[in-house]
Amino acid sequence: MNKKITLITEEFENEQTGEKIEGITVIVDGILKQFLDVLKTKEPKYKNNLDIIQDALMKGLEKVKTEVE
């Protein structure tokens, strides 16, 4: 089983300020898609993949924050 998540990074420029901003795209396929599909059926609060990824990212960042403090 391949436990790999495909991420793509791109650089964007804010047209008003000229600031360079990194954009990150998550490709939802393979085992990640299977996992997200299971979560959506088991947890009604998750309406779509974006809801799950946002929740997981915020929870993960909180954990990383506590580990580095």
C-alpha atoms as a PDB file:
ATOM      1  CA  MET A   1       0.000   0.000   0.000  1.00  0.00           C
ATOM      2  CA  ASN A   2       1.429   3.362  -1.057  1.00  0.00           C
ATOM      3  CA  LYS A   3       1.053   5.893   1.777  1.00  0.00           C
ATOM      4  CA  LYS A   4       2.021   8.928  -0.253  1.00  0.00           C
ATOM      5  CA  ILE A   5       0.335  12.330  -0.557  1.00  0.00           C
ATOM      6  CA  THR A   6       0.997  14.344  -3.686  1.00  0.00           C
ATOM      7  CA  LEU A   7       1.494  18.070  -3.104  1.00  0.00           C
ATOM      8  CA  ILE A   8       2.161  20.760  -5.682  1.00  0.00           C
ATOM      9  CA  THR A   9       3.630  24.135  -4.790  1.00  0.00           C
ATOM     10  CA  GLU A  10       3.305  27.271  -6.885  1.00  0.00           C
ATOM     11  CA  GLU A  11       4.328  30.881  -6.425  1.00  0.00           C
ATOM     12  CA  PHE A  12       1.773  33.632  -6.898  1.00  0.00           C
ATOM     13  CA  GLU A  13       2.129  37.391  -6.817  1.00  0.00           C
ATOM     14  CA  ASN A  14      -0.326  39.709  -5.094  1.00  0.00           C
ATOM     15  CA  GLU A  15      -1.272  42.161  -7.845  1.00  0.00           C
ATOM     16  CA  GLN A  16      -1.782  45.040  -5.400  1.00  0.00           C
ATOM     17  CA  THR A  17       1.287  44.640  -3.198  1.00  0.00           C
ATOM     18  CA  GLY A  18       3.674  42.619  -5.360  1.00  0.00           C
ATOM     19  CA  GLU A  19       4.168  40.226  -2.448  1.00  0.00           C
ATOM     20  CA  LYS A  20       5.154  36.687  -3.456  1.00  0.00           C
ATOM     21  CA  ILE A  21       2.865  34.056  -1.954  1.00  0.00           C
ATOM     22  CA  GLU A  22       3.251  30.285  -1.928  1.00  0.00           C
ATOM     23  CA  GLY A  23       0.207  28.242  -2.923  1.00  0.00           C
ATOM     24  CA  ILE A  24       0.007  24.549  -2.087  1.00  0.00           C
ATOM     25  CA  THR A  25      -2.339  22.103  -3.817  1.00  0.00           C
ATOM     26  CA  VAL A  26      -3.210  18.720  -2.305  1.00  0.00           C
ATOM     27  CA  ILE A  27      -3.983  16.002  -4.850  1.00  0.00           C
ATOM     28  CA  VAL A  28      -6.758  13.820  -3.434  1.00  0.00           C
ATOM     29  CA  ASP A  29      -6.250  10.371  -4.930  1.00  0.00           C
ATOM     30  CA  GLY A  30      -5.254   6.860  -3.967  1.00  0.00           C
ATOM     31  CA  ILE A  31      -5.135   6.030  -0.289  1.00  0.00           C
ATOM     32  CA  LEU A  32      -5.811   9.651   0.722  1.00  0.00           C
ATOM     33  CA  LYS A  33      -9.076   9.619  -1.272  1.00  0.00           C
ATOM     34  CA  GLN A  34     -10.059   6.291   0.284  1.00  0.00           C
ATOM     35  CA  PHE A  35      -9.312   7.632   3.772  1.00  0.00           C
ATOM     36  CA  LEU A  36     -11.264  10.866   3.217  1.00  0.00           C
ATOM     37  CA  ASP A  37     -14.226   8.930   1.795  1.00  0.00           C
ATOM     38  CA  VAL A  38     -14.352   6.760   4.928  1.00  0.00           C
ATOM     39  CA  LEU A  39     -14.174   9.816   7.208  1.00  0.00           C
ATOM     40  CA  LYS A  40     -17.031  11.524   5.343  1.00  0.00           C
ATOM     41  CA  THR A  41     -19.281   8.480   5.801  1.00  0.00           C
ATOM     42  CA  LYS A  42     -18.398   8.029   9.489  1.00  0.00           C
ATOM     43  CA  GLU A  43     -18.416  11.685  10.591  1.00  0.00           C
ATOM     44  CA  PRO A  44     -21.387  13.824   9.501  1.00  0.00           C
ATOM     45  CA  LYS A  45     -19.635  17.093  10.401  1.00  0.00           C
ATOM     46  CA  TYR A  46     -17.348  16.579   7.402  1.00  0.00           C
ATOM     47  CA  LYS A  47     -19.319  17.590   4.300  1.00  0.00           C
ATOM     48  CA  ASN A  48     -16.385  17.496   1.877  1.00  0.00           C
ATOM     49  CA  ASN A  49     -12.661  16.850   1.574  1.00  0.00           C
ATOM     50  CA  LEU A  50     -11.801  20.490   2.227  1.00  0.00           C
ATOM     51  CA  ASP A  51     -13.485  20.348   5.650  1.00  0.00           C
ATOM     52  CA  ILE A  52     -11.389  17.332   6.635  1.00  0.00           C
ATOM     53  CA  ILE A  53      -8.112  18.715   5.324  1.00  0.00           C
ATOM     54  CA  GLN A  54      -8.630  22.086   7.050  1.00  0.00           C
ATOM     55  CA  ASP A  55      -9.441  20.356  10.356  1.00  0.00           C
ATOM     56  CA  ALA A  56      -6.480  18.000  10.083  1.00  0.00           C
ATOM     57  CA  LEU A  57      -4.104  20.826   9.158  1.00  0.00           C
ATOM     58  CA  MET A  58      -5.185  23.027  12.062  1.00  0.00           C
ATOM     59  CA  LYS A  59      -5.002  20.149  14.568  1.00  0.00           C
ATOM     60  CA  GLY A  60      -1.612  19.126  13.199  1.00  0.00           C
ATOM     61  CA  LEU A  61      -0.255  22.675  13.389  1.00  0.00           C
ATOM     62  CA  GLU A  62      -1.427  22.973  17.003  1.00  0.00           C
ATOM     63  CA  LYS A  63       0.437  19.751  17.838  1.00  0.00           C
ATOM     64  CA  VAL A  64       3.609  20.961  16.103  1.00  0.00           C
ATOM     65  CA  LYS A  65       3.327  24.288  17.946  1.00  0.00           C
ATOM     66  CA  THR A  66       3.172  22.579  21.351  1.00  0.00           C
ATOM     67  CA  GLU A  67       6.124  20.373  20.448  1.00  0.00           C
ATOM     68  CA  VAL A  68       8.383  23.322  19.615  1.00  0.00           C
ATOM     69  CA  GLU A  69       7.423  25.495  22.584  1.00  0.00           C
END
